[in-house]
Structure formats: structure tokens, C-alpha cells
């Protein structure tokens, strides 16, 4: 399964330098499958799923968040869902 679809690439820009671009593509069934795996694992472990996204700037993650919340609420009410917006790179 590929999540980054065309158009994508790195190309030169006028005046020097480059620009890079990607296209994120998720379907509801793909997100549901991934969410169910995460929630099922969480039921056997600590009872918590953390979903990290960029729903504040990327439409694909708006859908991601909606689907994950729905799966958690309807199918795994015993698992705590924590939503986190990715804003800063991880620190070591």
C-alpha cells in the first residue's frame, strides 16, 4: 500500500534551489483497517491509542482523524483515544 501518490518529486526552481512536493492519499477502508489493528493491540496492552496527525493543515488527515475517532467510539469504547496534532519535530 502506498500513501504517497503522484504528483510527487523534487524539481529546480527559477533563481536556484529546489522545491519538493508529495500527495497524501488515504481511503476510508485503509484508515479503518489501520485503526482497527491499533485499537485491537491497545485492548491487549495498555488500553490507549495515540493518533498523531496534521489535520490542521492537511485534508487527508482531517479524514484520518474523523475515521479513527469513529472507529474508536463505535467499536472500541473501552480504549482511550488520544489525538495529537504534529507541530514540532521530535526531540531526542
N, C-alpha and C. Protein backbone atom coordinates (compact mmCIF):
# COMPACT_ATOMS: atom_id res chain seq x y z
N UNK A 1 0.85 -1.17 0.00
CA UNK A 1 0.00 0.00 0.00
C UNK A 1 0.90 1.24 0.00
N UNK A 2 0.60 2.16 -0.89
CA UNK A 2 1.36 3.41 -0.96
C UNK A 2 0.47 4.56 -0.49
N UNK A 3 1.01 5.39 0.38
CA UNK A 3 0.26 6.54 0.86
C UNK A 3 0.65 7.82 0.13
N UNK A 4 1.83 7.83 -0.47
CA UNK A 4 2.25 8.99 -1.23
C UNK A 4 2.08 8.67 -2.71
N UNK A 5 1.28 9.44 -3.38
CA UNK A 5 0.92 9.20 -4.77
C UNK A 5 1.36 10.38 -5.63
N UNK A 6 1.44 10.17 -6.94
CA UNK A 6 1.73 11.28 -7.84
C UNK A 6 0.65 12.35 -7.73
N UNK A 7 0.98 13.59 -7.91
CA UNK A 7 2.32 14.09 -8.22
C UNK A 7 3.19 14.14 -6.97
N UNK A 8 4.45 13.81 -7.16
CA UNK A 8 5.45 13.94 -6.11
C UNK A 8 6.81 14.07 -6.76
N UNK A 9 7.71 14.74 -6.07
CA UNK A 9 9.04 14.86 -6.64
C UNK A 9 9.82 16.03 -6.07
N UNK A 10 10.98 16.22 -6.65
CA UNK A 10 11.86 17.35 -6.33
C UNK A 10 12.23 17.96 -7.67
N UNK A 11 12.09 19.27 -7.76
CA UNK A 11 12.41 19.93 -9.02
C UNK A 11 13.08 21.27 -8.76
N UNK A 12 13.90 21.71 -9.70
CA UNK A 12 14.57 23.01 -9.54
C UNK A 12 13.56 24.15 -9.68
N UNK A 13 13.86 25.25 -9.00
CA UNK A 13 13.04 26.45 -9.12
C UNK A 13 13.87 27.55 -9.75
N UNK A 14 13.18 28.43 -10.44
CA UNK A 14 13.86 29.55 -11.10
C UNK A 14 14.60 30.38 -10.07
N UNK A 15 15.83 30.73 -10.36
CA UNK A 15 16.63 31.52 -9.44
C UNK A 15 17.49 30.68 -8.52
N UNK A 16 17.41 29.37 -8.63
CA UNK A 16 18.24 28.49 -7.81
C UNK A 16 17.44 27.78 -6.74
N UNK A 17 17.98 26.71 -6.27
CA UNK A 17 17.33 25.92 -5.25
C UNK A 17 16.35 24.91 -5.84
N UNK A 18 15.62 24.29 -4.96
CA UNK A 18 14.68 23.25 -5.36
C UNK A 18 13.39 23.38 -4.57
N UNK A 19 12.37 22.68 -5.04
CA UNK A 19 11.14 22.53 -4.26
C UNK A 19 10.76 21.06 -4.29
N UNK A 20 10.18 20.59 -3.20
CA UNK A 20 9.75 19.20 -3.08
C UNK A 20 8.26 19.17 -2.80
N UNK A 21 7.59 18.14 -3.32
CA UNK A 21 6.14 18.04 -3.12
C UNK A 21 5.73 16.57 -3.11
N UNK A 22 4.67 16.29 -2.34
CA UNK A 22 4.10 14.95 -2.21
C UNK A 22 2.59 15.06 -2.21
N UNK A 23 1.93 13.97 -2.55
CA UNK A 23 0.48 13.90 -2.45
C UNK A 23 0.14 12.74 -1.51
N UNK A 24 -0.52 13.05 -0.40
CA UNK A 24 -1.00 12.05 0.54
C UNK A 24 -2.37 11.59 0.09
N UNK A 25 -2.60 10.29 0.05
CA UNK A 25 -3.90 9.76 -0.35
C UNK A 25 -4.28 8.62 0.57
N UNK A 26 -5.37 8.78 1.31
CA UNK A 26 -5.91 7.73 2.18
C UNK A 26 -7.36 7.49 1.81
N UNK A 27 -7.79 6.23 1.86
CA UNK A 27 -9.20 5.91 1.67
C UNK A 27 -9.78 5.48 3.02
N UNK A 28 -11.08 5.58 3.14
CA UNK A 28 -11.74 5.18 4.38
C UNK A 28 -11.39 3.73 4.75
N UNK A 29 -11.49 2.76 3.82
CA UNK A 29 -11.14 1.39 4.20
C UNK A 29 -9.69 1.23 4.68
N UNK A 30 -8.75 1.95 4.08
CA UNK A 30 -7.35 1.88 4.54
C UNK A 30 -7.23 2.38 5.97
N UNK A 31 -7.85 3.51 6.25
CA UNK A 31 -7.78 4.09 7.59
C UNK A 31 -8.47 3.19 8.60
N UNK A 32 -9.63 2.65 8.24
CA UNK A 32 -10.35 1.75 9.15
C UNK A 32 -9.51 0.53 9.50
N UNK A 33 -8.85 -0.06 8.51
CA UNK A 33 -8.02 -1.24 8.74
C UNK A 33 -6.89 -0.93 9.72
N UNK A 34 -6.21 0.17 9.49
CA UNK A 34 -5.09 0.56 10.36
C UNK A 34 -5.59 0.88 11.77
N UNK A 35 -6.71 1.59 11.86
CA UNK A 35 -7.27 1.95 13.17
C UNK A 35 -7.68 0.70 13.95
N UNK A 36 -8.31 -0.24 13.28
CA UNK A 36 -8.74 -1.47 13.97
C UNK A 36 -7.56 -2.26 14.51
N UNK A 37 -6.49 -2.32 13.74
CA UNK A 37 -5.28 -3.00 14.23
C UNK A 37 -4.76 -2.29 15.48
N UNK A 38 -4.68 -0.98 15.43
CA UNK A 38 -4.18 -0.21 16.58
C UNK A 38 -5.06 -0.40 17.81
N UNK A 39 -6.37 -0.31 17.63
CA UNK A 39 -7.28 -0.46 18.77
C UNK A 39 -7.26 -1.88 19.33
N UNK A 40 -7.18 -2.89 18.46
CA UNK A 40 -7.13 -4.27 18.93
C UNK A 40 -5.85 -4.52 19.73
N UNK A 41 -4.73 -3.98 19.26
CA UNK A 41 -3.48 -4.11 20.02
C UNK A 41 -3.59 -3.40 21.36
N UNK A 42 -4.21 -2.23 21.36
CA UNK A 42 -4.35 -1.46 22.59
C UNK A 42 -5.20 -2.20 23.62
N UNK A 43 -6.21 -2.93 23.17
CA UNK A 43 -7.05 -3.70 24.10
C UNK A 43 -6.21 -4.73 24.84
N UNK A 44 -5.21 -5.29 24.20
CA UNK A 44 -4.38 -6.32 24.81
C UNK A 44 -3.21 -5.72 25.59
N UNK A 45 -3.00 -4.43 25.45
CA UNK A 45 -1.85 -3.80 26.10
C UNK A 45 -2.32 -2.78 27.14
N UNK A 46 -2.03 -1.54 26.92
CA UNK A 46 -2.31 -0.50 27.93
C UNK A 46 -3.66 0.17 27.78
N UNK A 47 -4.43 -0.20 26.77
CA UNK A 47 -5.76 0.37 26.62
C UNK A 47 -5.77 1.80 26.11
N UNK A 48 -4.75 2.15 25.31
CA UNK A 48 -4.66 3.52 24.82
C UNK A 48 -4.09 3.54 23.41
N UNK A 49 -4.71 4.36 22.54
CA UNK A 49 -4.21 4.61 21.19
C UNK A 49 -3.91 6.09 21.08
N UNK A 50 -2.75 6.43 20.56
CA UNK A 50 -2.42 7.82 20.26
C UNK A 50 -2.33 7.97 18.76
N UNK A 51 -3.15 8.84 18.21
CA UNK A 51 -3.13 9.12 16.77
C UNK A 51 -2.54 10.50 16.56
N UNK A 52 -1.45 10.56 15.82
CA UNK A 52 -0.76 11.83 15.56
C UNK A 52 -0.97 12.20 14.10
N UNK A 53 -1.44 13.42 13.87
CA UNK A 53 -1.74 13.83 12.50
C UNK A 53 -1.42 15.30 12.28
N UNK A 54 -1.72 15.76 11.09
CA UNK A 54 -1.57 17.17 10.72
C UNK A 54 -2.90 17.69 10.20
N UNK A 55 -3.98 17.38 10.94
CA UNK A 55 -5.32 17.77 10.49
C UNK A 55 -5.49 19.28 10.40
N UNK A 56 -4.59 20.02 11.02
CA UNK A 56 -4.69 21.48 10.95
C UNK A 56 -4.25 22.03 9.59
N UNK A 57 -3.52 21.24 8.80
CA UNK A 57 -3.03 21.74 7.52
C UNK A 57 -3.22 20.79 6.34
N UNK A 58 -3.61 19.55 6.60
CA UNK A 58 -3.72 18.57 5.51
C UNK A 58 -5.09 17.90 5.52
N UNK A 59 -5.81 18.01 4.42
CA UNK A 59 -7.15 17.43 4.31
C UNK A 59 -7.14 15.92 4.50
N UNK A 60 -6.10 15.25 4.03
CA UNK A 60 -6.06 13.79 4.18
C UNK A 60 -6.10 13.39 5.65
N UNK A 61 -5.53 14.22 6.51
CA UNK A 61 -5.54 13.91 7.93
C UNK A 61 -6.83 14.35 8.63
N UNK A 62 -7.59 15.24 8.03
CA UNK A 62 -8.93 15.53 8.55
C UNK A 62 -9.77 14.26 8.44
N UNK A 63 -9.73 13.62 7.27
CA UNK A 63 -10.44 12.35 7.10
C UNK A 63 -9.88 11.29 8.05
N UNK A 64 -8.56 11.20 8.14
CA UNK A 64 -7.92 10.23 9.05
C UNK A 64 -8.48 10.38 10.46
N UNK A 65 -8.49 11.60 10.96
CA UNK A 65 -8.95 11.85 12.32
C UNK A 65 -10.41 11.45 12.49
N UNK A 66 -11.26 11.83 11.55
CA UNK A 66 -12.69 11.51 11.63
C UNK A 66 -12.91 10.00 11.68
N UNK A 67 -12.23 9.27 10.81
CA UNK A 67 -12.42 7.82 10.75
C UNK A 67 -11.90 7.15 12.02
N UNK A 68 -10.72 7.54 12.49
CA UNK A 68 -10.16 6.95 13.71
C UNK A 68 -11.06 7.23 14.90
N UNK A 69 -11.55 8.45 15.03
CA UNK A 69 -12.47 8.77 16.13
C UNK A 69 -13.73 7.91 16.06
N UNK A 70 -14.27 7.75 14.86
CA UNK A 70 -15.49 6.97 14.69
C UNK A 70 -15.28 5.50 15.05
N UNK A 71 -14.20 4.91 14.57
CA UNK A 71 -13.90 3.51 14.89
C UNK A 71 -13.72 3.35 16.40
N UNK A 72 -12.98 4.25 17.01
CA UNK A 72 -12.76 4.17 18.45
C UNK A 72 -14.05 4.28 19.23
N UNK A 73 -14.88 5.23 18.88
CA UNK A 73 -16.13 5.47 19.61
C UNK A 73 -17.11 4.30 19.45
N UNK A 74 -17.28 3.83 18.22
CA UNK A 74 -18.29 2.81 17.95
C UNK A 74 -17.84 1.39 18.25
N UNK A 75 -16.58 1.07 17.98
CA UNK A 75 -16.14 -0.31 18.07
C UNK A 75 -15.23 -0.63 19.26
N UNK A 76 -14.59 0.39 19.82
CA UNK A 76 -13.64 0.16 20.90
C UNK A 76 -13.83 1.19 22.02
N UNK A 77 -15.03 1.25 22.61
CA UNK A 77 -15.28 2.28 23.63
C UNK A 77 -14.43 2.09 24.89
N UNK A 78 -13.86 0.89 25.07
CA UNK A 78 -13.03 0.63 26.25
C UNK A 78 -11.58 1.10 26.08
N UNK A 79 -11.22 1.55 24.88
CA UNK A 79 -9.86 2.01 24.61
C UNK A 79 -9.86 3.53 24.56
N UNK A 80 -8.93 4.12 25.29
CA UNK A 80 -8.82 5.58 25.29
C UNK A 80 -8.08 6.04 24.03
N UNK A 81 -8.68 6.99 23.32
CA UNK A 81 -8.06 7.57 22.13
C UNK A 81 -7.50 8.93 22.47
N UNK A 82 -6.22 9.11 22.23
CA UNK A 82 -5.57 10.40 22.40
C UNK A 82 -5.23 10.93 21.02
N UNK A 83 -5.70 12.13 20.72
CA UNK A 83 -5.41 12.77 19.44
C UNK A 83 -4.34 13.82 19.64
N UNK A 84 -3.36 13.82 18.77
CA UNK A 84 -2.27 14.77 18.89
C UNK A 84 -1.98 15.36 17.52
N UNK A 85 -1.84 16.67 17.49
CA UNK A 85 -1.51 17.35 16.24
C UNK A 85 0.00 17.51 16.17
N UNK A 86 0.59 17.03 15.10
CA UNK A 86 2.04 17.10 14.92
C UNK A 86 2.42 18.52 14.53
N UNK A 87 3.12 19.22 15.42
CA UNK A 87 3.51 20.59 15.13
C UNK A 87 5.01 20.81 15.17
N UNK A 88 5.71 19.99 15.91
CA UNK A 88 7.16 20.16 16.05
C UNK A 88 7.84 18.82 15.78
N UNK A 89 9.05 18.84 15.26
CA UNK A 89 9.78 17.58 15.08
C UNK A 89 10.10 16.97 16.44
N UNK A 90 10.24 15.65 16.48
CA UNK A 90 10.57 15.01 17.76
C UNK A 90 11.95 15.43 18.24
N UNK A 91 12.10 15.45 19.54
CA UNK A 91 13.41 15.75 20.13
C UNK A 91 13.98 14.47 20.71
N UNK A 92 15.27 14.39 20.77
CA UNK A 92 15.88 13.16 21.28
C UNK A 92 16.09 13.22 22.77
